[in-house]
Amino acid sequence: MAASVDVIDLFQKAALEVDNRKLSGLSRETVISTLGMDSVAVMELVSYFEERLDVRIPDEDLGKVRTLGDLRDCLARLLPPGTEVRA
């Protein structure tokens, strides 16, 4: 069975763990910069995703991530083939 990743669920867990933020109502269209996190929190979020998913998100890809949908698409490219990535 292929692995499955729910980016929104993981993002909510990450926000709570690294920035003590309980986020709800997130969608693929949610713009990450509107969530009120500072740059340190965002970098900790990136580290959280990299550690949990065992990937390295290149800086040039990170610069293109504006929404949770963008993050989902970025992770879908980095994760092993066959991994279901939802957002």
N, C-alpha and C. Protein backbone atom coordinates (compact mmCIF):
# COMPACT_ATOMS: atom_id res chain seq x y z
N MET A 1 0.84 -1.19 0.00
CA MET A 1 0.00 0.00 0.00
C MET A 1 0.88 1.25 0.00
N ALA A 2 0.53 2.19 -0.83
CA ALA A 2 1.31 3.43 -0.94
C ALA A 2 1.10 4.30 0.29
N ALA A 3 2.13 5.06 0.60
CA ALA A 3 2.03 6.00 1.72
C ALA A 3 1.10 7.14 1.34
N SER A 4 0.56 7.79 2.36
CA SER A 4 -0.36 8.90 2.13
C SER A 4 0.01 10.06 3.06
N VAL A 5 0.00 11.25 2.52
CA VAL A 5 0.33 12.45 3.28
C VAL A 5 -0.79 13.47 3.09
N ASP A 6 -1.34 13.95 4.20
CA ASP A 6 -2.34 15.01 4.15
C ASP A 6 -1.64 16.31 4.58
N VAL A 7 -1.32 17.15 3.60
CA VAL A 7 -0.52 18.35 3.85
C VAL A 7 -1.21 19.31 4.83
N ILE A 8 -2.52 19.49 4.70
CA ILE A 8 -3.22 20.41 5.60
C ILE A 8 -3.20 19.90 7.03
N ASP A 9 -3.46 18.61 7.21
CA ASP A 9 -3.42 18.01 8.54
C ASP A 9 -2.03 18.15 9.15
N LEU A 10 -1.01 17.85 8.36
CA LEU A 10 0.37 17.94 8.85
C LEU A 10 0.74 19.39 9.15
N PHE A 11 0.27 20.32 8.32
CA PHE A 11 0.55 21.75 8.54
C PHE A 11 -0.07 22.21 9.85
N GLN A 12 -1.29 21.76 10.13
CA GLN A 12 -1.95 22.14 11.38
C GLN A 12 -1.17 21.60 12.58
N LYS A 13 -0.71 20.36 12.50
CA LYS A 13 0.09 19.78 13.59
C LYS A 13 1.40 20.53 13.76
N ALA A 14 2.03 20.87 12.64
CA ALA A 14 3.29 21.60 12.68
C ALA A 14 3.11 22.98 13.31
N ALA A 15 2.06 23.70 12.92
CA ALA A 15 1.81 25.04 13.45
C ALA A 15 1.60 24.99 14.95
N LEU A 16 0.89 23.97 15.41
CA LEU A 16 0.64 23.84 16.84
C LEU A 16 1.94 23.53 17.58
N GLU A 17 2.74 22.64 17.00
CA GLU A 17 3.97 22.23 17.67
C GLU A 17 5.05 23.32 17.66
N VAL A 18 5.25 23.97 16.52
CA VAL A 18 6.36 24.93 16.44
C VAL A 18 5.99 26.36 16.79
N ASP A 19 4.71 26.73 16.67
CA ASP A 19 4.33 28.12 16.89
C ASP A 19 3.14 28.25 17.83
N ASN A 20 2.74 27.14 18.43
CA ASN A 20 1.62 27.11 19.37
C ASN A 20 0.37 27.77 18.78
N ARG A 21 0.13 27.51 17.50
CA ARG A 21 -1.04 28.07 16.81
C ARG A 21 -1.99 26.95 16.45
N LYS A 22 -3.24 27.14 16.82
CA LYS A 22 -4.28 26.19 16.43
C LYS A 22 -4.99 26.78 15.22
N LEU A 23 -4.72 26.21 14.06
CA LEU A 23 -5.27 26.72 12.81
C LEU A 23 -6.44 25.85 12.35
N SER A 24 -7.47 26.50 11.86
CA SER A 24 -8.59 25.75 11.30
C SER A 24 -9.07 26.46 10.04
N GLY A 25 -9.89 25.78 9.29
CA GLY A 25 -10.43 26.38 8.08
C GLY A 25 -9.40 26.54 6.97
N LEU A 26 -8.36 25.73 7.00
CA LEU A 26 -7.32 25.82 5.97
C LEU A 26 -7.76 25.07 4.72
N SER A 27 -7.31 25.56 3.57
CA SER A 27 -7.59 24.90 2.29
C SER A 27 -6.36 25.02 1.40
N ARG A 28 -6.46 24.42 0.22
CA ARG A 28 -5.35 24.53 -0.76
C ARG A 28 -5.05 25.99 -1.09
N GLU A 29 -6.09 26.84 -1.01
CA GLU A 29 -5.93 28.25 -1.40
C GLU A 29 -5.39 29.13 -0.28
N THR A 30 -5.26 28.59 0.93
CA THR A 30 -4.77 29.38 2.05
C THR A 30 -3.36 29.88 1.77
N VAL A 31 -3.19 31.21 1.85
CA VAL A 31 -1.87 31.82 1.64
C VAL A 31 -1.12 31.78 2.97
N ILE A 32 0.00 31.09 2.98
CA ILE A 32 0.74 30.83 4.22
C ILE A 32 1.13 32.13 4.92
N SER A 33 1.50 33.15 4.15
CA SER A 33 1.95 34.42 4.76
C SER A 33 0.83 35.14 5.49
N THR A 34 -0.42 34.77 5.25
CA THR A 34 -1.53 35.43 5.94
C THR A 34 -1.83 34.80 7.30
N LEU A 35 -1.09 33.78 7.67
CA LEU A 35 -1.37 33.07 8.91
C LEU A 35 -0.69 33.68 10.13
N GLY A 36 0.07 34.76 9.91
CA GLY A 36 0.64 35.51 11.03
C GLY A 36 1.87 34.90 11.67
N MET A 37 2.56 34.05 10.96
CA MET A 37 3.78 33.44 11.52
C MET A 37 4.99 34.25 11.08
N ASP A 38 5.95 34.39 11.99
CA ASP A 38 7.17 35.10 11.61
C ASP A 38 8.09 34.15 10.84
N SER A 39 9.18 34.70 10.32
CA SER A 39 10.07 33.91 9.46
C SER A 39 10.71 32.75 10.21
N VAL A 40 10.97 32.92 11.50
CA VAL A 40 11.54 31.83 12.30
C VAL A 40 10.55 30.67 12.39
N ALA A 41 9.29 30.99 12.64
CA ALA A 41 8.27 29.95 12.72
C ALA A 41 8.12 29.23 11.38
N VAL A 42 8.18 29.98 10.28
CA VAL A 42 8.06 29.37 8.96
C VAL A 42 9.24 28.42 8.72
N MET A 43 10.43 28.82 9.09
CA MET A 43 11.60 27.93 8.92
C MET A 43 11.46 26.68 9.79
N GLU A 44 10.90 26.83 10.98
CA GLU A 44 10.68 25.67 11.84
C GLU A 44 9.62 24.76 11.23
N LEU A 45 8.63 25.34 10.58
CA LEU A 45 7.62 24.54 9.88
C LEU A 45 8.27 23.73 8.76
N VAL A 46 9.14 24.37 8.01
CA VAL A 46 9.85 23.67 6.93
C VAL A 46 10.64 22.50 7.51
N SER A 47 11.36 22.75 8.59
CA SER A 47 12.13 21.68 9.24
C SER A 47 11.23 20.55 9.70
N TYR A 48 10.06 20.91 10.23
CA TYR A 48 9.09 19.91 10.69
C TYR A 48 8.70 19.00 9.53
N PHE A 49 8.35 19.60 8.39
CA PHE A 49 7.96 18.81 7.22
C PHE A 49 9.14 17.94 6.73
N GLU A 50 10.32 18.53 6.69
CA GLU A 50 11.49 17.77 6.21
C GLU A 50 11.77 16.57 7.10
N GLU A 51 11.68 16.77 8.42
CA GLU A 51 11.94 15.67 9.35
C GLU A 51 10.85 14.60 9.27
N ARG A 52 9.59 15.01 9.28
CA ARG A 52 8.48 14.04 9.28
C ARG A 52 8.42 13.24 7.99
N LEU A 53 8.74 13.90 6.87
CA LEU A 53 8.59 13.25 5.57
C LEU A 53 9.90 12.77 4.98
N ASP A 54 11.00 13.03 5.69
CA ASP A 54 12.33 12.61 5.24
C ASP A 54 12.64 13.13 3.83
N VAL A 55 12.43 14.43 3.67
CA VAL A 55 12.76 15.10 2.40
C VAL A 55 13.57 16.34 2.69
N ARG A 56 14.19 16.88 1.67
CA ARG A 56 14.89 18.17 1.76
C ARG A 56 14.23 19.09 0.75
N ILE A 57 13.64 20.16 1.24
CA ILE A 57 12.97 21.10 0.33
C ILE A 57 13.99 22.15 -0.11
N PRO A 58 14.36 22.14 -1.40
CA PRO A 58 15.35 23.12 -1.88
C PRO A 58 14.86 24.55 -1.73
N ASP A 59 15.78 25.46 -1.44
CA ASP A 59 15.42 26.87 -1.24
C ASP A 59 14.68 27.44 -2.45
N GLU A 60 15.10 27.05 -3.67
CA GLU A 60 14.44 27.60 -4.86
C GLU A 60 12.98 27.13 -4.95
N ASP A 61 12.68 25.93 -4.47
CA ASP A 61 11.29 25.46 -4.43
C ASP A 61 10.52 26.21 -3.34
N LEU A 62 11.16 26.40 -2.21
CA LEU A 62 10.53 27.07 -1.08
C LEU A 62 10.10 28.48 -1.45
N GLY A 63 10.90 29.16 -2.26
CA GLY A 63 10.59 30.51 -2.69
C GLY A 63 9.32 30.60 -3.52
N LYS A 64 8.89 29.47 -4.10
CA LYS A 64 7.70 29.44 -4.95
C LYS A 64 6.45 29.03 -4.18
N VAL A 65 6.62 28.65 -2.92
CA VAL A 65 5.48 28.17 -2.13
C VAL A 65 4.78 29.36 -1.48
N ARG A 66 3.56 29.65 -1.95
CA ARG A 66 2.75 30.73 -1.37
C ARG A 66 1.55 30.17 -0.61
N THR A 67 0.94 29.15 -1.19
CA THR A 67 -0.27 28.59 -0.61
C THR A 67 -0.03 27.15 -0.13
N LEU A 68 -0.99 26.62 0.60
CA LEU A 68 -0.89 25.22 1.02
C LEU A 68 -0.94 24.29 -0.20
N GLY A 69 -1.64 24.70 -1.25
CA GLY A 69 -1.65 23.93 -2.49
C GLY A 69 -0.27 23.89 -3.12
N ASP A 70 0.44 25.02 -3.09
CA ASP A 70 1.82 25.06 -3.60
C ASP A 70 2.71 24.13 -2.79
N LEU A 71 2.53 24.13 -1.48
CA LEU A 71 3.31 23.25 -0.61
C LEU A 71 3.02 21.80 -0.95
N ARG A 72 1.74 21.49 -1.16
CA ARG A 72 1.35 20.14 -1.53
C ARG A 72 2.04 19.72 -2.83
N ASP A 73 2.02 20.60 -3.83
CA ASP A 73 2.63 20.28 -5.12
C ASP A 73 4.14 20.09 -4.99
N CYS A 74 4.76 20.94 -4.19
CA CYS A 74 6.21 20.83 -3.95
C CYS A 74 6.54 19.48 -3.31
N LEU A 75 5.80 19.12 -2.27
CA LEU A 75 6.05 17.85 -1.59
C LEU A 75 5.77 16.66 -2.49
N ALA A 76 4.74 16.77 -3.34
CA ALA A 76 4.41 15.68 -4.26
C ALA A 76 5.58 15.39 -5.20
N ARG A 77 6.33 16.43 -5.58
CA ARG A 77 7.50 16.23 -6.46
C ARG A 77 8.66 15.58 -5.71
N LEU A 78 8.75 15.84 -4.40
CA LEU A 78 9.90 15.38 -3.62
C LEU A 78 9.73 13.99 -3.00
N LEU A 79 8.50 13.62 -2.73
CA LEU A 79 8.24 12.34 -2.07
C LEU A 79 8.35 11.19 -3.07
N PRO A 80 8.59 9.98 -2.56
CA PRO A 80 8.76 8.82 -3.46
C PRO A 80 7.54 8.61 -4.35
N PRO A 81 7.76 8.11 -5.57
CA PRO A 81 6.65 7.82 -6.47
C PRO A 81 5.64 6.89 -5.78
N GLY A 82 4.37 7.15 -6.04
CA GLY A 82 3.33 6.31 -5.44
C GLY A 82 2.80 6.86 -4.14
N THR A 83 3.47 7.89 -3.58
CA THR A 83 2.98 8.50 -2.35
C THR A 83 1.79 9.38 -2.69
N GLU A 84 0.68 9.17 -2.01
CA GLU A 84 -0.50 10.01 -2.22
C GLU A 84 -0.34 11.25 -1.37
N VAL A 85 -0.36 12.42 -2.01
CA VAL A 85 -0.22 13.69 -1.29
C VAL A 85 -1.50 14.48 -1.50
N ARG A 86 -2.20 14.72 -0.37
CA ARG A 86 -3.49 15.43 -0.42
C ARG A 86 -3.39 16.79 0.27
N ALA A 87 -4.25 17.69 -0.15
CA ALA A 87 -4.38 18.99 0.53
C ALA A 87 -5.80 19.47 0.34
